[in-house]
Amino acid sequence: MALRFARITLLAGILPMLPRPVCAQSTPREIVEKAEDLRRIDNSIQSVRMTLVSKSGSERVREFELKVRRDDDAVRSHTRFLSPADVAGTAMVIVDHPDQIDEQLLFVPALRRVTRISGKARSGSFLGSDFSFEDLELSNADTATHQMLSETDSEWVVQTIPGDGSAYGKVVATIRKSDHLPVKIEYFNQKGKAWKTLTVTDTLESGGATYPRISVMKDLTRGTHTRLEVLDYRVDVPKDELPDSLFTQTALERGG
């Protein structure tokens, strides 16, 4: 569903994939799924800068390393914060279960324990940013429904009603026809009020496909925003650099 676009942008999806031809008769679900599929994450290691901007304009900068491994339909990610000192060592593992809510495990060094993110905690802020834990999920819920709101020569605007358990009442994505890139995503609460917006402000090209390089998530109720910037990336990373043990609670308990 469209919620995955936030995860796509966060992971940056730097993969050498060629866009498939656009079908004029594509349904809204097919458009959403193609946008996701073109930027799906395979074996990669990425360096990302996350800048938290307050309502007054003050900034806090955090950097993290993201490791992703895909085995057929199973996707696992490991995020470890490198700086600043107050968040360094914080780590999270997400395991994608097809057709289920993702498993999310968070390790906080100060607590020296692993917390499982579930239930209402999924709507909470991810380390003080404008992304929630729900925004980071990988799974594409089959229960989500999609509707075409408008279409121009250059873009589609697709509305998604998430499946059960989402904090969002609806999500509206503006998707470019030229490359199936979601350039703007609007999130609404259960009462239909605009809540957050995710906007791609800079892109890069790889293997004939377009990917987000800089994206901004704005919280319209708090007046804050979070900027994500891809600093470096490696693709086709050998699996021995992404061992099974990396994506486990045991690895997190040993210090992320």
C-alpha atoms as a PDB file:
ATOM      1  CA  MET A   1       0.000   0.000   0.000  1.00  0.00           C
ATOM      2  CA  ALA A   2       1.061   3.623  -0.210  1.00  0.00           C
ATOM      3  CA  LEU A   3       2.435   3.543   3.340  1.00  0.00           C
ATOM      4  CA  ARG A   4       5.374   1.611   1.937  1.00  0.00           C
ATOM      5  CA  PHE A   5       6.458   4.675  -0.021  1.00  0.00           C
ATOM      6  CA  ALA A   6       7.831   6.159   3.198  1.00  0.00           C
ATOM      7  CA  ARG A   7       9.886   3.043   3.700  1.00  0.00           C
ATOM      8  CA  ILE A   8      10.981   3.123   0.067  1.00  0.00           C
ATOM      9  CA  THR A   9      12.185   6.693   0.507  1.00  0.00           C
ATOM     10  CA  LEU A  10      13.889   5.930   3.801  1.00  0.00           C
ATOM     11  CA  LEU A  11      15.735   2.960   2.351  1.00  0.00           C
ATOM     12  CA  ALA A  12      16.420   4.966  -0.810  1.00  0.00           C
ATOM     13  CA  GLY A  13      16.072   1.867  -2.964  1.00  0.00           C
ATOM     14  CA  ILE A  14      19.288   2.313  -4.886  1.00  0.00           C
ATOM     15  CA  LEU A  15      19.014  -0.639  -7.254  1.00  0.00           C
ATOM     16  CA  PRO A  16      19.997  -1.043 -10.922  1.00  0.00           C
ATOM     17  CA  MET A  17      16.507  -1.791 -12.209  1.00  0.00           C
ATOM     18  CA  LEU A  18      15.053  -0.753 -15.540  1.00  0.00           C
ATOM     19  CA  PRO A  19      11.538   0.702 -15.475  1.00  0.00           C
ATOM     20  CA  ARG A  20       8.908  -1.442 -17.143  1.00  0.00           C
ATOM     21  CA  PRO A  21       6.661   0.071 -19.816  1.00  0.00           C
ATOM     22  CA  VAL A  22       3.700   2.030 -18.478  1.00  0.00           C
ATOM     23  CA  CYS A  23       0.386   0.397 -19.275  1.00  0.00           C
ATOM     24  CA  ALA A  24      -2.302   2.928 -20.129  1.00  0.00           C
ATOM     25  CA  GLN A  25      -4.931   0.684 -18.567  1.00  0.00           C
ATOM     26  CA  SER A  26      -3.118   0.136 -15.251  1.00  0.00           C
ATOM     27  CA  THR A  27      -5.375   0.014 -12.220  1.00  0.00           C
ATOM     28  CA  PRO A  28      -4.554   2.169  -9.155  1.00  0.00           C
ATOM     29  CA  ARG A  29      -3.282  -0.928  -7.306  1.00  0.00           C
ATOM     30  CA  GLU A  30      -1.048  -1.878 -10.233  1.00  0.00           C
ATOM     31  CA  ILE A  31       0.394   1.646 -10.335  1.00  0.00           C
ATOM     32  CA  VAL A  32       1.170   1.583  -6.611  1.00  0.00           C
ATOM     33  CA  GLU A  33       2.662  -1.898  -6.748  1.00  0.00           C
ATOM     34  CA  LYS A  34       4.823  -1.063  -9.770  1.00  0.00           C
ATOM     35  CA  ALA A  35       6.140   2.063  -8.044  1.00  0.00           C
ATOM     36  CA  GLU A  36       7.102  -0.104  -5.067  1.00  0.00           C
ATOM     37  CA  ASP A  37       8.532  -2.952  -7.124  1.00  0.00           C
ATOM     38  CA  LEU A  38      10.784  -0.725  -9.230  1.00  0.00           C
ATOM     39  CA  ARG A  39      12.482   0.516  -6.068  1.00  0.00           C
ATOM     40  CA  ARG A  40      12.441  -2.605  -3.971  1.00  0.00           C
ATOM     41  CA  ILE A  41      15.444  -3.149  -1.744  1.00  0.00           C
ATOM     42  CA  ASP A  42      17.834  -6.038  -2.396  1.00  0.00           C
ATOM     43  CA  ASN A  43      21.228  -6.643  -0.777  1.00  0.00           C
ATOM     44  CA  SER A  44      22.640  -3.193  -0.038  1.00  0.00           C
ATOM     45  CA  ILE A  45      24.462  -1.057   2.511  1.00  0.00           C
ATOM     46  CA  GLN A  46      23.661   2.646   2.666  1.00  0.00           C
ATOM     47  CA  SER A  47      24.796   5.662   4.652  1.00  0.00           C
ATOM     48  CA  VAL A  48      22.037   8.150   5.435  1.00  0.00           C
ATOM     49  CA  ARG A  49      21.893  11.553   7.119  1.00  0.00           C
ATOM     50  CA  MET A  50      18.689  12.385   9.011  1.00  0.00           C
ATOM     51  CA  THR A  51      18.132  16.023   9.972  1.00  0.00           C
ATOM     52  CA  LEU A  52      15.395  16.825  12.491  1.00  0.00           C
ATOM     53  CA  VAL A  53      14.137  20.398  12.155  1.00  0.00           C
ATOM     54  CA  SER A  54      12.071  21.939  14.959  1.00  0.00           C
ATOM     55  CA  LYS A  55       9.219  24.414  14.575  1.00  0.00           C
ATOM     56  CA  SER A  56      11.670  27.240  15.321  1.00  0.00           C
ATOM     57  CA  GLY A  57      14.121  26.012  12.691  1.00  0.00           C
ATOM     58  CA  SER A  58      16.800  24.528  14.945  1.00  0.00           C
ATOM     59  CA  GLU A  59      18.395  21.363  13.592  1.00  0.00           C
ATOM     60  CA  ARG A  60      19.648  18.074  14.997  1.00  0.00           C
ATOM     61  CA  VAL A  61      21.651  15.874  12.661  1.00  0.00           C
ATOM     62  CA  ARG A  62      21.874  12.100  12.943  1.00  0.00           C
ATOM     63  CA  GLU A  63      23.656   9.620  10.707  1.00  0.00           C
ATOM     64  CA  PHE A  64      23.001   5.931  10.380  1.00  0.00           C
ATOM     65  CA  GLU A  65      24.013   2.891   8.368  1.00  0.00           C
ATOM     66  CA  LEU A  66      21.318   0.761   6.787  1.00  0.00           C
ATOM     67  CA  LYS A  67      21.836  -2.841   5.734  1.00  0.00           C
ATOM     68  CA  VAL A  68      19.179  -4.666   3.725  1.00  0.00           C
ATOM     69  CA  ARG A  69      18.954  -8.271   2.617  1.00  0.00           C
ATOM     70  CA  ARG A  70      16.293  -9.861   0.415  1.00  0.00           C
ATOM     71  CA  ASP A  71      15.741 -13.590   0.055  1.00  0.00           C
ATOM     72  CA  ASP A  72      12.902 -14.142  -2.421  1.00  0.00           C
ATOM     73  CA  ASP A  73       9.900 -12.421  -0.765  1.00  0.00           C
ATOM     74  CA  ALA A  74      11.547 -12.113   2.653  1.00  0.00           C
ATOM     75  CA  VAL A  75      13.166  -8.725   3.384  1.00  0.00           C
ATOM     76  CA  ARG A  76      15.198  -7.888   6.452  1.00  0.00           C
ATOM     77  CA  SER A  77      16.798  -4.580   7.393  1.00  0.00           C
ATOM     78  CA  HIS A  78      19.241  -3.513  10.092  1.00  0.00           C
ATOM     79  CA  THR A  79      19.589   0.186  10.979  1.00  0.00           C
ATOM     80  CA  ARG A  80      22.374   1.346  13.295  1.00  0.00           C
ATOM     81  CA  PHE A  81      22.862   4.973  14.337  1.00  0.00           C
ATOM     82  CA  LEU A  82      26.470   6.169  14.252  1.00  0.00           C
ATOM     83  CA  SER A  83      26.147   9.745  15.542  1.00  0.00           C
ATOM     84  CA  PRO A  84      25.682  11.906  17.556  1.00  0.00           C
ATOM     85  CA  ALA A  85      26.782  10.364  20.846  1.00  0.00           C
ATOM     86  CA  ASP A  86      23.331  10.465  22.467  1.00  0.00           C
ATOM     87  CA  VAL A  87      21.857   8.080  19.874  1.00  0.00           C
ATOM     88  CA  ALA A  88      24.983   6.220  18.705  1.00  0.00           C
ATOM     89  CA  GLY A  89      24.515   2.476  19.048  1.00  0.00           C
ATOM     90  CA  THR A  90      20.734   2.637  18.813  1.00  0.00           C
ATOM     91  CA  ALA A  91      19.723  -0.065  16.366  1.00  0.00           C
ATOM     92  CA  MET A  92      16.593  -1.540  14.841  1.00  0.00           C
ATOM     93  CA  VAL A  93      15.833  -4.726  12.956  1.00  0.00           C
ATOM     94  CA  ILE A  94      12.774  -5.035  10.741  1.00  0.00           C
ATOM     95  CA  VAL A  95      11.739  -8.413   9.364  1.00  0.00           C
ATOM     96  CA  ASP A  96       9.177  -8.383   6.579  1.00  0.00           C
ATOM     97  CA  HIS A  97       6.526 -11.057   6.878  1.00  0.00           C
ATOM     98  CA  PRO A  98       4.472 -11.127   3.650  1.00  0.00           C
ATOM     99  CA  ASP A  99       0.782 -10.519   4.365  1.00  0.00           C
ATOM    100  CA  GLN A 100       1.505  -9.701   8.024  1.00  0.00           C
ATOM    101  CA  ILE A 101       2.524  -6.712  10.103  1.00  0.00           C
ATOM    102  CA  ASP A 102       6.297  -6.449  10.074  1.00  0.00           C
ATOM    103  CA  GLU A 103       8.325  -7.510  13.078  1.00  0.00           C
ATOM    104  CA  GLN A 104      10.199  -4.505  14.519  1.00  0.00           C
ATOM    105  CA  LEU A 105      12.842  -4.792  17.231  1.00  0.00           C
ATOM    106  CA  LEU A 106      14.473  -1.677  18.718  1.00  0.00           C
ATOM    107  CA  PHE A 107      17.654  -1.633  20.818  1.00  0.00           C
ATOM    108  CA  VAL A 108      18.432   1.436  22.961  1.00  0.00           C
ATOM    109  CA  PRO A 109      21.919   1.384  24.550  1.00  0.00           C
ATOM    110  CA  ALA A 110      20.858   3.339  27.656  1.00  0.00           C
ATOM    111  CA  LEU A 111      18.273   0.673  28.462  1.00  0.00           C
ATOM    112  CA  ARG A 112      20.430  -2.268  27.369  1.00  0.00           C
ATOM    113  CA  ARG A 113      17.388  -4.135  26.174  1.00  0.00           C
ATOM    114  CA  VAL A 114      15.427  -4.868  23.032  1.00  0.00           C
ATOM    115  CA  THR A 115      11.870  -3.581  22.698  1.00  0.00           C
ATOM    116  CA  ARG A 116       9.352  -5.065  20.308  1.00  0.00           C
ATOM    117  CA  ILE A 117       7.344  -2.344  18.547  1.00  0.00           C
ATOM    118  CA  SER A 118       3.702  -3.377  18.256  1.00  0.00           C
ATOM    119  CA  GLY A 119       0.144  -2.160  18.723  1.00  0.00           C
ATOM    120  CA  LYS A 120      -0.268   1.551  19.435  1.00  0.00           C
ATOM    121  CA  ALA A 121       3.503   1.964  19.697  1.00  0.00           C
ATOM    122  CA  ARG A 122       3.654   1.642  15.900  1.00  0.00           C
ATOM    123  CA  SER A 123       2.221   5.159  15.582  1.00  0.00           C
ATOM    124  CA  GLY A 124       4.945   6.603  17.824  1.00  0.00           C
ATOM    125  CA  SER A 125       7.845   8.736  16.578  1.00  0.00           C
ATOM    126  CA  PHE A 126      10.925   6.954  15.268  1.00  0.00           C
ATOM    127  CA  LEU A 127      13.739   8.368  17.428  1.00  0.00           C
ATOM    128  CA  GLY A 128      12.174  11.813  17.631  1.00  0.00           C
ATOM    129  CA  SER A 129      11.753  12.179  13.870  1.00  0.00           C
ATOM    130  CA  ASP A 130       8.596  12.904  11.896  1.00  0.00           C
ATOM    131  CA  PHE A 131       8.535   9.294  10.721  1.00  0.00           C
ATOM    132  CA  SER A 132       6.519   6.852  12.791  1.00  0.00           C
ATOM    133  CA  PHE A 133       7.409   3.197  13.221  1.00  0.00           C
ATOM    134  CA  GLU A 134       4.421   2.399  11.021  1.00  0.00           C
ATOM    135  CA  ASP A 135       5.968   4.471   8.214  1.00  0.00           C
ATOM    136  CA  LEU A 136       8.945   2.117   8.219  1.00  0.00           C
ATOM    137  CA  GLU A 137       6.977  -1.038   7.546  1.00  0.00           C
ATOM    138  CA  LEU A 138       7.653  -3.065   4.427  1.00  0.00           C
ATOM    139  CA  SER A 139       4.557  -5.175   4.024  1.00  0.00           C
ATOM    140  CA  ASN A 140       2.027  -4.390   1.342  1.00  0.00           C
ATOM    141  CA  ALA A 141      -1.350  -5.022   2.920  1.00  0.00           C
ATOM    142  CA  ASP A 142      -3.740  -6.819   0.598  1.00  0.00           C
ATOM    143  CA  THR A 143      -6.605  -5.321   2.595  1.00  0.00           C
ATOM    144  CA  ALA A 144      -5.693  -1.792   1.474  1.00  0.00           C
ATOM    145  CA  THR A 145      -7.879  -0.307  -1.251  1.00  0.00           C
ATOM    146  CA  HIS A 146      -6.779   2.130  -3.957  1.00  0.00           C
ATOM    147  CA  GLN A 147      -8.691   4.717  -5.959  1.00  0.00           C
ATOM    148  CA  MET A 148      -7.609   7.026  -8.779  1.00  0.00           C
ATOM    149  CA  LEU A 149      -8.388  10.599  -7.725  1.00  0.00           C
ATOM    150  CA  SER A 150      -7.027  12.358 -10.797  1.00  0.00           C
ATOM    151  CA  GLU A 151      -4.722  11.926 -13.763  1.00  0.00           C
ATOM    152  CA  THR A 152      -2.775  14.282 -16.021  1.00  0.00           C
ATOM    153  CA  ASP A 153      -0.362  13.713 -18.871  1.00  0.00           C
ATOM    154  CA  SER A 154       2.509  13.588 -16.386  1.00  0.00           C
ATOM    155  CA  GLU A 155       1.189  12.054 -13.153  1.00  0.00           C
ATOM    156  CA  TRP A 156      -1.381   9.998 -11.297  1.00  0.00           C
ATOM    157  CA  VAL A 157      -2.907  10.890  -7.933  1.00  0.00           C
ATOM    158  CA  VAL A 158      -3.900   7.707  -6.102  1.00  0.00           C
ATOM    159  CA  GLN A 159      -5.749   7.476  -2.797  1.00  0.00           C
ATOM    160  CA  THR A 160      -5.131   4.498  -0.517  1.00  0.00           C
ATOM    161  CA  ILE A 161      -7.341   3.443   2.378  1.00  0.00           C
ATOM    162  CA  PRO A 162      -5.029   1.393   4.625  1.00  0.00           C
ATOM    163  CA  GLY A 163      -5.947  -1.951   6.080  1.00  0.00           C
ATOM    164  CA  ASP A 164      -6.932  -2.534   9.703  1.00  0.00           C
ATOM    165  CA  GLY A 165      -4.604  -1.307  12.422  1.00  0.00           C
ATOM    166  CA  SER A 166      -3.237   1.761  10.673  1.00  0.00           C
ATOM    167  CA  ALA A 167      -3.099   5.158  12.367  1.00  0.00           C
ATOM    168  CA  TYR A 168      -3.902   6.711   8.988  1.00  0.00           C
ATOM    169  CA  GLY A 169      -7.385   7.114   7.614  1.00  0.00           C
ATOM    170  CA  LYS A 170      -6.113   7.580   4.070  1.00  0.00           C
ATOM    171  CA  VAL A 171      -2.936   8.230   2.110  1.00  0.00           C
ATOM    172  CA  VAL A 172      -2.783  10.188  -1.166  1.00  0.00           C
ATOM    173  CA  ALA A 173       0.224   9.672  -3.442  1.00  0.00           C
ATOM    174  CA  THR A 174       1.242  11.745  -6.460  1.00  0.00           C
ATOM    175  CA  ILE A 175       3.170   9.436  -8.803  1.00  0.00           C
ATOM    176  CA  ARG A 176       5.095  10.569 -11.878  1.00  0.00           C
ATOM    177  CA  LYS A 177       4.235   8.664 -15.030  1.00  0.00           C
ATOM    178  CA  SER A 178       7.716   9.015 -16.516  1.00  0.00           C
ATOM    179  CA  ASP A 179       9.418   6.903 -13.867  1.00  0.00           C
ATOM    180  CA  HIS A 180       6.690   5.739 -11.438  1.00  0.00           C
ATOM    181  CA  LEU A 181       8.355   7.820  -8.718  1.00  0.00           C
ATOM    182  CA  PRO A 182       6.090   8.913  -5.825  1.00  0.00           C
ATOM    183  CA  VAL A 183       7.099  12.576  -5.576  1.00  0.00           C
ATOM    184  CA  LYS A 184       4.569  13.572  -2.904  1.00  0.00           C
ATOM    185  CA  ILE A 185       2.605  11.573  -0.333  1.00  0.00           C
ATOM    186  CA  GLU A 186      -0.071  13.075   1.901  1.00  0.00           C
ATOM    187  CA  TYR A 187      -1.113  11.331   5.112  1.00  0.00           C
ATOM    188  CA  PHE A 188      -4.483  11.933   6.791  1.00  0.00           C
ATOM    189  CA  ASN A 189      -5.672  10.896  10.246  1.00  0.00           C
ATOM    190  CA  GLN A 190      -8.750   8.799  10.939  1.00  0.00           C
ATOM    191  CA  LYS A 191     -10.944  11.920  10.892  1.00  0.00           C
ATOM    192  CA  GLY A 192      -9.730  12.916   7.436  1.00  0.00           C
ATOM    193  CA  LYS A 193      -7.527  15.815   8.610  1.00  0.00           C
ATOM    194  CA  ALA A 194      -4.190  16.360   6.844  1.00  0.00           C
ATOM    195  CA  TRP A 195      -1.433  15.083   9.130  1.00  0.00           C
ATOM    196  CA  LYS A 196       1.887  14.678   7.317  1.00  0.00           C
ATOM    197  CA  THR A 197       3.426  15.081   3.871  1.00  0.00           C
ATOM    198  CA  LEU A 198       6.418  13.320   2.363  1.00  0.00           C
ATOM    199  CA  THR A 199       8.082  15.108  -0.566  1.00  0.00           C
ATOM    200  CA  VAL A 200      11.017  14.058  -2.738  1.00  0.00           C
ATOM    201  CA  THR A 201      13.183  17.149  -3.278  1.00  0.00           C
ATOM    202  CA  ASP A 202      16.136  15.622  -5.130  1.00  0.00           C
ATOM    203  CA  THR A 203      16.707  12.427  -7.091  1.00  0.00           C
ATOM    204  CA  LEU A 204      19.461  10.376  -8.636  1.00  0.00           C
ATOM    205  CA  GLU A 205      19.620   8.026 -11.594  1.00  0.00           C
ATOM    206  CA  SER A 206      20.899   4.453 -11.450  1.00  0.00           C
ATOM    207  CA  GLY A 207      20.563   1.798 -14.128  1.00  0.00           C
ATOM    208  CA  GLY A 208      17.924   3.793 -15.970  1.00  0.00           C
ATOM    209  CA  ALA A 209      15.670   4.232 -12.930  1.00  0.00           C
ATOM    210  CA  THR A 210      15.057   7.270 -10.717  1.00  0.00           C
ATOM    211  CA  TYR A 211      15.399   7.135  -6.936  1.00  0.00           C
ATOM    212  CA  PRO A 212      14.956   9.594  -4.064  1.00  0.00           C
ATOM    213  CA  ARG A 213      18.221  11.164  -2.879  1.00  0.00           C
ATOM    214  CA  ILE A 214      16.716  13.773  -0.560  1.00  0.00           C
ATOM    215  CA  SER A 215      13.207  13.579   0.875  1.00  0.00           C
ATOM    216  CA  VAL A 216      11.372  15.559   3.542  1.00  0.00           C
ATOM    217  CA  MET A 217       8.633  14.394   5.916  1.00  0.00           C
ATOM    218  CA  LYS A 218       6.597  17.270   7.397  1.00  0.00           C
ATOM    219  CA  ASP A 219       4.314  16.973  10.407  1.00  0.00           C
ATOM    220  CA  LEU A 220       1.591  19.529   9.716  1.00  0.00           C
ATOM    221  CA  THR A 221       0.255  19.460  13.259  1.00  0.00           C
ATOM    222  CA  ARG A 222       3.594  20.028  15.008  1.00  0.00           C
ATOM    223  CA  GLY A 223       5.200  22.265  12.407  1.00  0.00           C
ATOM    224  CA  THR A 224       8.353  20.129  12.333  1.00  0.00           C
ATOM    225  CA  HIS A 225      10.037  18.246   9.520  1.00  0.00           C
ATOM    226  CA  THR A 226      12.675  15.573   8.964  1.00  0.00           C
ATOM    227  CA  ARG A 227      15.058  15.544   6.005  1.00  0.00           C
ATOM    228  CA  LEU A 228      16.663  12.314   4.768  1.00  0.00           C
ATOM    229  CA  GLU A 229      19.707  12.390   2.504  1.00  0.00           C
ATOM    230  CA  VAL A 230      21.480   9.400   0.986  1.00  0.00           C
ATOM    231  CA  LEU A 231      25.223   9.971   1.429  1.00  0.00           C
ATOM    232  CA  ASP A 232      26.664   6.740   0.073  1.00  0.00           C
ATOM    233  CA  TYR A 233      25.508   3.304  -0.991  1.00  0.00           C
ATOM    234  CA  ARG A 234      26.670  -0.112  -2.107  1.00  0.00           C
ATOM    235  CA  VAL A 235      24.547  -2.544  -4.076  1.00  0.00           C
ATOM    236  CA  ASP A 236      24.865  -6.262  -4.790  1.00  0.00           C
ATOM    237  CA  VAL A 237      26.535  -6.690  -1.410  1.00  0.00           C
ATOM    238  CA  PRO A 238      27.703 -10.302  -0.838  1.00  0.00           C
ATOM    239  CA  LYS A 239      25.468 -12.178   1.580  1.00  0.00           C
ATOM    240  CA  ASP A 240      28.419 -12.983   3.825  1.00  0.00           C
ATOM    241  CA  GLU A 241      28.442  -9.264   4.709  1.00  0.00           C
ATOM    242  CA  LEU A 242      24.750  -9.540   5.598  1.00  0.00           C
ATOM    243  CA  PRO A 243      24.605 -12.762   7.641  1.00  0.00           C
ATOM    244  CA  ASP A 244      21.381 -14.159   9.074  1.00  0.00           C
ATOM    245  CA  SER A 245      22.671 -13.443  12.578  1.00  0.00           C
ATOM    246  CA  LEU A 246      22.701  -9.677  11.885  1.00  0.00           C
ATOM    247  CA  PHE A 247      18.917  -9.536  11.751  1.00  0.00           C
ATOM    248  CA  THR A 248      18.186 -11.126  15.128  1.00  0.00           C
ATOM    249  CA  GLN A 249      17.317 -10.057  18.646  1.00  0.00           C
ATOM    250  CA  THR A 250      20.514 -11.702  19.865  1.00  0.00           C
ATOM    251  CA  ALA A 251      22.630  -9.428  17.667  1.00  0.00           C
ATOM    252  CA  LEU A 252      20.791  -6.371  18.979  1.00  0.00           C
ATOM    253  CA  GLU A 253      21.261  -7.472  22.590  1.00  0.00           C
ATOM    254  CA  ARG A 254      24.989  -7.704  21.960  1.00  0.00           C
ATOM    255  CA  GLY A 255      25.078  -4.038  21.067  1.00  0.00           C
ATOM    256  CA  GLY A 256      23.275  -3.637  17.746  1.00  0.00           C
END
